Amino acid sequence: MAQFSGLDDLLGHVELGTSDWHLVDQQRITAFAEVTGDHQWIHVDPERARTDGPFGTTIAHGALTLSLCMTFLTEVVHVDTVTFVVNGGFDRVRFHTPVRCGSRLRGKVRLLESRRLTGGARLILRTTAEIEGEKRPACVADQILALYEPTAPTEA
């Protein structure tokens, strides 16, 4: 994890780091299907996916892969002075390679843009979700976040 003393420290970097590897197994895929209600057989029926699917196994939902980008981000970046973060959404998301059941993913995080706000900073961070052993990433996502530090008390 990259530990930054404050926003000024973070804003001085571009390559922020790489997360640990995360297993995307059938249990995780099925649990995601339960939460989202997306029970397409390509995700939740290993036997049918093996015989009828193009990948020889089930694959993770694209939204599962995208949600793991948040996990990667929390593993990679910690700013000591930040008291809260507001998720502003995603500018761009691209899915390049399906994530086969049993794959391991990790995220590389890079700072694309930043600007100071009152009490914080607005960032655009690019997370590249890599699949172990694959040349192309699973996903590349540009996320907008606002990070806030405590402001000095005003004098009366």
C-alpha atoms as a PDB file:
ATOM      1  CA  MET A   1       0.000   0.000   0.000  1.00  0.00           C
ATOM      2  CA  ALA A   2       1.158   3.477  -0.806  1.00  0.00           C
ATOM      3  CA  GLN A   3       0.939   5.575   2.342  1.00  0.00           C
ATOM      4  CA  PHE A   4       0.706   9.323   1.775  1.00  0.00           C
ATOM      5  CA  SER A   5       1.064  11.876   4.556  1.00  0.00           C
ATOM      6  CA  GLY A   6      -1.507  14.213   2.985  1.00  0.00           C
ATOM      7  CA  LEU A   7      -3.093  15.260  -0.275  1.00  0.00           C
ATOM      8  CA  ASP A   8      -0.057  17.333  -1.302  1.00  0.00           C
ATOM      9  CA  ASP A   9       2.052  14.178  -0.969  1.00  0.00           C
ATOM     10  CA  LEU A  10      -0.423  12.120  -3.034  1.00  0.00           C
ATOM     11  CA  LEU A  11      -0.732  14.771  -5.750  1.00  0.00           C
ATOM     12  CA  GLY A  12       3.015  14.618  -6.279  1.00  0.00           C
ATOM     13  CA  HIS A  13       2.778  11.058  -7.635  1.00  0.00           C
ATOM     14  CA  VAL A  14       1.435   9.465 -10.812  1.00  0.00           C
ATOM     15  CA  GLU A  15       1.998   5.716 -10.411  1.00  0.00           C
ATOM     16  CA  LEU A  16       0.287   4.971  -7.101  1.00  0.00           C
ATOM     17  CA  GLY A  17       0.804   1.232  -6.832  1.00  0.00           C
ATOM     18  CA  THR A  18      -0.478  -2.289  -7.359  1.00  0.00           C
ATOM     19  CA  SER A  19      -2.867  -4.289  -5.188  1.00  0.00           C
ATOM     20  CA  ASP A  20      -2.568  -7.881  -4.041  1.00  0.00           C
ATOM     21  CA  TRP A  21      -3.980 -10.667  -6.208  1.00  0.00           C
ATOM     22  CA  HIS A  22      -7.662 -11.559  -5.670  1.00  0.00           C
ATOM     23  CA  LEU A  23      -9.191 -14.902  -6.601  1.00  0.00           C
ATOM     24  CA  VAL A  24     -12.391 -14.754  -8.635  1.00  0.00           C
ATOM     25  CA  ASP A  25     -13.872 -18.175  -7.890  1.00  0.00           C
ATOM     26  CA  GLN A  26     -17.357 -19.557  -8.385  1.00  0.00           C
ATOM     27  CA  GLN A  27     -18.345 -18.705  -4.824  1.00  0.00           C
ATOM     28  CA  ARG A  28     -17.578 -15.022  -5.417  1.00  0.00           C
ATOM     29  CA  ILE A  29     -19.316 -15.013  -8.812  1.00  0.00           C
ATOM     30  CA  THR A  30     -22.435 -16.707  -7.404  1.00  0.00           C
ATOM     31  CA  ALA A  31     -22.550 -14.359  -4.406  1.00  0.00           C
ATOM     32  CA  PHE A  32     -22.384 -11.393  -6.783  1.00  0.00           C
ATOM     33  CA  ALA A  33     -25.234 -12.877  -8.833  1.00  0.00           C
ATOM     34  CA  GLU A  34     -27.310 -13.149  -5.646  1.00  0.00           C
ATOM     35  CA  VAL A  35     -26.708  -9.515  -4.732  1.00  0.00           C
ATOM     36  CA  THR A  36     -27.408  -8.150  -8.219  1.00  0.00           C
ATOM     37  CA  GLY A  37     -30.054 -10.593  -9.421  1.00  0.00           C
ATOM     38  CA  ASP A  38     -28.012 -11.320 -12.565  1.00  0.00           C
ATOM     39  CA  HIS A  39     -28.239 -15.115 -12.802  1.00  0.00           C
ATOM     40  CA  GLN A  40     -27.258 -15.618 -16.448  1.00  0.00           C
ATOM     41  CA  TRP A  41     -26.006 -19.165 -16.948  1.00  0.00           C
ATOM     42  CA  ILE A  42     -22.659 -17.900 -18.289  1.00  0.00           C
ATOM     43  CA  HIS A  43     -21.995 -16.763 -14.697  1.00  0.00           C
ATOM     44  CA  VAL A  44     -23.764 -19.262 -12.449  1.00  0.00           C
ATOM     45  CA  ASP A  45     -24.038 -22.619 -14.263  1.00  0.00           C
ATOM     46  CA  PRO A  46     -20.551 -24.192 -14.470  1.00  0.00           C
ATOM     47  CA  GLU A  47     -21.736 -27.316 -16.306  1.00  0.00           C
ATOM     48  CA  ARG A  48     -23.624 -25.435 -18.998  1.00  0.00           C
ATOM     49  CA  ALA A  49     -20.798 -22.900 -19.316  1.00  0.00           C
ATOM     50  CA  ARG A  50     -18.344 -25.793 -19.817  1.00  0.00           C
ATOM     51  CA  THR A  51     -20.414 -27.428 -22.573  1.00  0.00           C
ATOM     52  CA  ASP A  52     -22.268 -24.517 -24.214  1.00  0.00           C
ATOM     53  CA  GLY A  53     -20.214 -21.437 -23.411  1.00  0.00           C
ATOM     54  CA  PRO A  54     -17.387 -19.914 -25.420  1.00  0.00           C
ATOM     55  CA  PHE A  55     -14.935 -19.809 -22.483  1.00  0.00           C
ATOM     56  CA  GLY A  56     -15.053 -23.386 -21.185  1.00  0.00           C
ATOM     57  CA  THR A  57     -16.106 -22.178 -17.741  1.00  0.00           C
ATOM     58  CA  THR A  58     -18.197 -19.509 -16.094  1.00  0.00           C
ATOM     59  CA  ILE A  59     -17.040 -15.914 -16.239  1.00  0.00           C
ATOM     60  CA  ALA A  60     -17.326 -13.050 -13.775  1.00  0.00           C
ATOM     61  CA  HIS A  61     -19.926 -10.363 -14.345  1.00  0.00           C
ATOM     62  CA  GLY A  62     -18.417  -7.197 -15.790  1.00  0.00           C
ATOM     63  CA  ALA A  63     -19.918  -5.312 -12.860  1.00  0.00           C
ATOM     64  CA  LEU A  64     -18.103  -7.672 -10.460  1.00  0.00           C
ATOM     65  CA  THR A  65     -14.816  -6.886 -12.146  1.00  0.00           C
ATOM     66  CA  LEU A  66     -15.598  -3.158 -11.952  1.00  0.00           C
ATOM     67  CA  SER A  67     -16.536  -3.408  -8.274  1.00  0.00           C
ATOM     68  CA  LEU A  68     -13.194  -5.052  -7.553  1.00  0.00           C
ATOM     69  CA  CYS A  69     -11.553  -1.867  -8.831  1.00  0.00           C
ATOM     70  CA  MET A  70     -12.787  -0.224  -5.600  1.00  0.00           C
ATOM     71  CA  THR A  71     -11.180  -3.028  -3.575  1.00  0.00           C
ATOM     72  CA  PHE A  72      -7.913  -2.550  -5.431  1.00  0.00           C
ATOM     73  CA  LEU A  73      -8.021   1.186  -4.834  1.00  0.00           C
ATOM     74  CA  THR A  74      -8.512   0.819  -1.071  1.00  0.00           C
ATOM     75  CA  GLU A  75      -5.545  -1.559  -0.960  1.00  0.00           C
ATOM     76  CA  VAL A  76      -3.273   0.712  -2.962  1.00  0.00           C
ATOM     77  CA  VAL A  77      -3.891   4.228  -1.654  1.00  0.00           C
ATOM     78  CA  HIS A  78      -4.107   5.525   1.897  1.00  0.00           C
ATOM     79  CA  VAL A  79      -3.828   9.225   2.737  1.00  0.00           C
ATOM     80  CA  ASP A  80      -3.298   9.838   6.464  1.00  0.00           C
ATOM     81  CA  THR A  81      -5.151  13.157   6.580  1.00  0.00           C
ATOM     82  CA  VAL A  82      -8.194  12.240   4.473  1.00  0.00           C
ATOM     83  CA  THR A  83     -11.333  11.968   6.606  1.00  0.00           C
ATOM     84  CA  PHE A  84     -13.798  10.976   3.873  1.00  0.00           C
ATOM     85  CA  VAL A  85     -14.068  10.236   0.163  1.00  0.00           C
ATOM     86  CA  VAL A  86     -16.961  10.958  -2.190  1.00  0.00           C
ATOM     87  CA  ASN A  87     -17.300   8.682  -5.215  1.00  0.00           C
ATOM     88  CA  GLY A  88     -18.194  10.825  -8.232  1.00  0.00           C
ATOM     89  CA  GLY A  89     -18.574   7.888 -10.614  1.00  0.00           C
ATOM     90  CA  PHE A  90     -16.670   6.727 -13.656  1.00  0.00           C
ATOM     91  CA  ASP A  91     -15.755   8.707 -16.766  1.00  0.00           C
ATOM     92  CA  ARG A  92     -14.730   5.683 -18.778  1.00  0.00           C
ATOM     93  CA  VAL A  93     -14.945   1.926 -18.295  1.00  0.00           C
ATOM     94  CA  ARG A  94     -13.748  -0.650 -20.801  1.00  0.00           C
ATOM     95  CA  PHE A  95     -13.875  -4.431 -20.476  1.00  0.00           C
ATOM     96  CA  HIS A  96     -11.125  -6.004 -22.565  1.00  0.00           C
ATOM     97  CA  THR A  97     -10.884  -9.652 -21.484  1.00  0.00           C
ATOM     98  CA  PRO A  98     -13.468 -11.901 -19.809  1.00  0.00           C
ATOM     99  CA  VAL A  99     -12.524 -13.047 -16.308  1.00  0.00           C
ATOM    100  CA  ARG A 100     -12.758 -16.827 -16.246  1.00  0.00           C
ATOM    101  CA  CYS A 101     -13.731 -18.529 -13.009  1.00  0.00           C
ATOM    102  CA  GLY A 102     -10.585 -19.361 -11.041  1.00  0.00           C
ATOM    103  CA  SER A 103      -8.636 -16.354 -12.345  1.00  0.00           C
ATOM    104  CA  ARG A 104      -6.743 -13.977 -10.114  1.00  0.00           C
ATOM    105  CA  LEU A 105      -6.983 -10.214 -10.567  1.00  0.00           C
ATOM    106  CA  ARG A 106      -4.984  -7.293  -9.269  1.00  0.00           C
ATOM    107  CA  GLY A 107      -5.269  -3.576  -9.837  1.00  0.00           C
ATOM    108  CA  LYS A 108      -2.678  -1.015 -10.900  1.00  0.00           C
ATOM    109  CA  VAL A 109      -3.685   2.507  -9.932  1.00  0.00           C
ATOM    110  CA  ARG A 110      -2.494   5.689 -11.620  1.00  0.00           C
ATOM    111  CA  LEU A 111      -3.362   9.334 -11.002  1.00  0.00           C
ATOM    112  CA  LEU A 112      -4.549  10.904 -14.279  1.00  0.00           C
ATOM    113  CA  GLU A 113      -5.797  14.317 -13.129  1.00  0.00           C
ATOM    114  CA  SER A 114      -6.181  16.328  -9.970  1.00  0.00           C
ATOM    115  CA  ARG A 115      -7.372  19.707  -8.871  1.00  0.00           C
ATOM    116  CA  ARG A 116      -7.687  21.233  -5.458  1.00  0.00           C
ATOM    117  CA  LEU A 117     -11.100  21.833  -3.937  1.00  0.00           C
ATOM    118  CA  THR A 118     -11.954  23.721  -0.779  1.00  0.00           C
ATOM    119  CA  GLY A 119     -10.877  21.288   1.909  1.00  0.00           C
ATOM    120  CA  GLY A 120      -9.713  18.585  -0.478  1.00  0.00           C
ATOM    121  CA  ALA A 121      -8.996  17.516  -4.011  1.00  0.00           C
ATOM    122  CA  ARG A 122     -10.834  16.058  -6.994  1.00  0.00           C
ATOM    123  CA  LEU A 123      -8.984  13.168  -8.606  1.00  0.00           C
ATOM    124  CA  ILE A 124      -9.374  11.010 -11.655  1.00  0.00           C
ATOM    125  CA  LEU A 125      -7.729   7.658 -11.011  1.00  0.00           C
ATOM    126  CA  ARG A 126      -7.232   4.949 -13.611  1.00  0.00           C
ATOM    127  CA  THR A 127      -7.415   1.409 -12.334  1.00  0.00           C
ATOM    128  CA  THR A 128      -6.253  -1.358 -14.648  1.00  0.00           C
ATOM    129  CA  ALA A 129      -7.539  -4.764 -13.547  1.00  0.00           C
ATOM    130  CA  GLU A 130      -4.941  -7.277 -14.665  1.00  0.00           C
ATOM    131  CA  ILE A 131      -5.587 -11.011 -15.025  1.00  0.00           C
ATOM    132  CA  GLU A 132      -2.708 -13.204 -13.907  1.00  0.00           C
ATOM    133  CA  GLY A 133      -1.126 -14.821 -16.969  1.00  0.00           C
ATOM    134  CA  GLU A 134      -3.032 -12.707 -19.533  1.00  0.00           C
ATOM    135  CA  LYS A 135      -1.543 -10.004 -21.741  1.00  0.00           C
ATOM    136  CA  ARG A 136      -4.694  -7.890 -21.954  1.00  0.00           C
ATOM    137  CA  PRO A 137      -6.379  -6.503 -18.846  1.00  0.00           C
ATOM    138  CA  ALA A 138      -9.866  -7.467 -17.730  1.00  0.00           C
ATOM    139  CA  CYS A 139     -10.922  -3.866 -17.282  1.00  0.00           C
ATOM    140  CA  VAL A 140      -9.644  -0.303 -17.379  1.00  0.00           C
ATOM    141  CA  ALA A 141     -11.714   2.204 -15.413  1.00  0.00           C
ATOM    142  CA  ASP A 142     -11.282   5.947 -14.817  1.00  0.00           C
ATOM    143  CA  GLN A 143     -12.905   6.898 -11.535  1.00  0.00           C
ATOM    144  CA  ILE A 144     -13.685  10.362 -10.195  1.00  0.00           C
ATOM    145  CA  LEU A 145     -13.172  10.807  -6.460  1.00  0.00           C
ATOM    146  CA  ALA A 146     -13.201  13.786  -4.120  1.00  0.00           C
ATOM    147  CA  LEU A 147     -10.975  13.351  -1.064  1.00  0.00           C
ATOM    148  CA  TYR A 148     -11.412  15.670   1.894  1.00  0.00           C
ATOM    149  CA  GLU A 149      -9.128  16.658   4.746  1.00  0.00           C
ATOM    150  CA  PRO A 150     -10.314  18.323   7.949  1.00  0.00           C
ATOM    151  CA  THR A 151     -10.403  22.079   7.591  1.00  0.00           C
ATOM    152  CA  ALA A 152      -8.939  24.375  10.194  1.00  0.00           C
ATOM    153  CA  PRO A 153     -11.567  25.754  12.586  1.00  0.00           C
ATOM    154  CA  THR A 154     -12.620  29.298  11.868  1.00  0.00           C
ATOM    155  CA  GLU A 155     -12.059  31.893  14.552  1.00  0.00           C
ATOM    156  CA  ALA A 156     -15.088  33.667  15.936  1.00  0.00           C
END
